[in-house]
Amino acid sequence: MHYPPKIALSCLVNSLKGVSSRHLRQEHHAHLSKYLSGGHLWSPSYLAASSGGAPLAIIAEYIDNQKRPN
């Protein structure tokens, strides 16, 4: 994802969670209502990681080559 560097990552994530939550609630309110805990759709936490500009093919290869438990 690319976003303007002047925007704080936490503000971007909060905005994405807020907008997606509103859209999901509007479109699927009846289905979601039974799954919502305390009225919250998303957890307050998030993970941000950087690939250092590596091409997606390299990242996909790295993920594919990770050891998996038996």
C-alpha atoms as a PDB file:
ATOM      1  CA  MET A   1       0.000   0.000   0.000  1.00  0.00           C
ATOM      2  CA  HIS A   2       1.282   3.447  -0.800  1.00  0.00           C
ATOM      3  CA  TYR A   3       0.121   6.482   1.157  1.00  0.00           C
ATOM      4  CA  PRO A   4       1.397  10.054   1.620  1.00  0.00           C
ATOM      5  CA  PRO A   5       4.365  10.084   4.045  1.00  0.00           C
ATOM      6  CA  LYS A   6       2.870  13.050   5.928  1.00  0.00           C
ATOM      7  CA  ILE A   7       0.018  10.854   7.199  1.00  0.00           C
ATOM      8  CA  ALA A   8       0.747   9.024  10.439  1.00  0.00           C
ATOM      9  CA  LEU A   9       0.385   5.266  10.000  1.00  0.00           C
ATOM     10  CA  SER A  10      -1.899   5.043  13.030  1.00  0.00           C
ATOM     11  CA  CYS A  11      -4.255   7.617  11.444  1.00  0.00           C
ATOM     12  CA  LEU A  12      -4.283   5.680   8.167  1.00  0.00           C
ATOM     13  CA  VAL A  13      -5.092   2.398   9.932  1.00  0.00           C
ATOM     14  CA  ASN A  14      -7.831   4.024  12.036  1.00  0.00           C
ATOM     15  CA  SER A  15      -9.354   5.527   8.897  1.00  0.00           C
ATOM     16  CA  LEU A  16      -9.262   2.205   7.009  1.00  0.00           C
ATOM     17  CA  LYS A  17     -10.837   0.379   9.949  1.00  0.00           C
ATOM     18  CA  GLY A  18     -13.521   3.031  10.372  1.00  0.00           C
ATOM     19  CA  VAL A  19     -14.511   3.181   6.707  1.00  0.00           C
ATOM     20  CA  SER A  20     -14.479  -0.595   6.249  1.00  0.00           C
ATOM     21  CA  SER A  21     -16.488  -1.068   9.448  1.00  0.00           C
ATOM     22  CA  ARG A  22     -19.166   1.385   8.288  1.00  0.00           C
ATOM     23  CA  HIS A  23     -19.431  -0.287   4.863  1.00  0.00           C
ATOM     24  CA  LEU A  24     -19.607  -3.790   6.323  1.00  0.00           C
ATOM     25  CA  ARG A  25     -22.221  -2.772   8.879  1.00  0.00           C
ATOM     26  CA  GLN A  26     -24.373  -1.116   6.189  1.00  0.00           C
ATOM     27  CA  GLU A  27     -24.202  -4.096   3.848  1.00  0.00           C
ATOM     28  CA  HIS A  28     -24.246  -7.000   6.338  1.00  0.00           C
ATOM     29  CA  HIS A  29     -25.740  -5.654   9.573  1.00  0.00           C
ATOM     30  CA  ALA A  30     -28.114  -8.562  10.202  1.00  0.00           C
ATOM     31  CA  HIS A  31     -25.396 -11.151   9.678  1.00  0.00           C
ATOM     32  CA  LEU A  32     -22.677  -9.299  11.631  1.00  0.00           C
ATOM     33  CA  SER A  33     -24.739  -8.362  14.681  1.00  0.00           C
ATOM     34  CA  LYS A  34     -24.564 -11.860  16.157  1.00  0.00           C
ATOM     35  CA  TYR A  35     -20.739 -11.897  15.884  1.00  0.00           C
ATOM     36  CA  LEU A  36     -19.939  -8.451  17.286  1.00  0.00           C
ATOM     37  CA  SER A  37     -18.414  -8.409  20.735  1.00  0.00           C
ATOM     38  CA  GLY A  38     -19.200  -5.183  22.553  1.00  0.00           C
ATOM     39  CA  GLY A  39     -20.252  -3.598  19.264  1.00  0.00           C
ATOM     40  CA  HIS A  40     -16.702  -3.548  17.855  1.00  0.00           C
ATOM     41  CA  LEU A  41     -15.920  -5.030  14.473  1.00  0.00           C
ATOM     42  CA  TRP A  42     -12.119  -4.633  14.599  1.00  0.00           C
ATOM     43  CA  SER A  43      -9.597  -5.065  17.375  1.00  0.00           C
ATOM     44  CA  PRO A  44      -7.796  -1.858  18.421  1.00  0.00           C
ATOM     45  CA  SER A  45      -4.424  -3.373  17.453  1.00  0.00           C
ATOM     46  CA  TYR A  46      -2.718  -3.671  14.070  1.00  0.00           C
ATOM     47  CA  LEU A  47       0.536  -4.837  12.508  1.00  0.00           C
ATOM     48  CA  ALA A  48       2.580  -2.737  10.099  1.00  0.00           C
ATOM     49  CA  ALA A  49       5.536  -4.203   8.229  1.00  0.00           C
ATOM     50  CA  SER A  50       7.787  -3.047   5.435  1.00  0.00           C
ATOM     51  CA  SER A  51       9.348  -5.102   2.678  1.00  0.00           C
ATOM     52  CA  GLY A  52      11.935  -2.471   1.824  1.00  0.00           C
ATOM     53  CA  GLY A  53      10.591  -2.151  -1.704  1.00  0.00           C
ATOM     54  CA  ALA A  54      11.209  -5.783  -2.648  1.00  0.00           C
ATOM     55  CA  PRO A  55       9.179  -6.995  -5.639  1.00  0.00           C
ATOM     56  CA  LEU A  56       6.057  -8.991  -4.769  1.00  0.00           C
ATOM     57  CA  ALA A  57       7.467 -12.058  -6.527  1.00  0.00           C
ATOM     58  CA  ILE A  58      10.434 -12.085  -4.123  1.00  0.00           C
ATOM     59  CA  ILE A  59       8.160 -11.665  -1.094  1.00  0.00           C
ATOM     60  CA  ALA A  60       5.866 -14.477  -2.310  1.00  0.00           C
ATOM     61  CA  GLU A  61       8.891 -16.746  -2.823  1.00  0.00           C
ATOM     62  CA  TYR A  62      10.143 -15.950   0.683  1.00  0.00           C
ATOM     63  CA  ILE A  63       6.758 -16.802   2.201  1.00  0.00           C
ATOM     64  CA  ASP A  64       6.451 -19.998   0.166  1.00  0.00           C
ATOM     65  CA  ASN A  65       9.900 -21.170   1.323  1.00  0.00           C
ATOM     66  CA  GLN A  66       9.171 -20.749   5.053  1.00  0.00           C
ATOM     67  CA  LYS A  67       9.288 -23.920   7.078  1.00  0.00           C
ATOM     68  CA  ARG A  68       5.882 -25.130   8.123  1.00  0.00           C
ATOM     69  CA  PRO A  69       5.146 -27.327  11.136  1.00  0.00           C
ATOM     70  CA  ASN A  70       4.543 -31.007  10.354  1.00  0.00           C
END
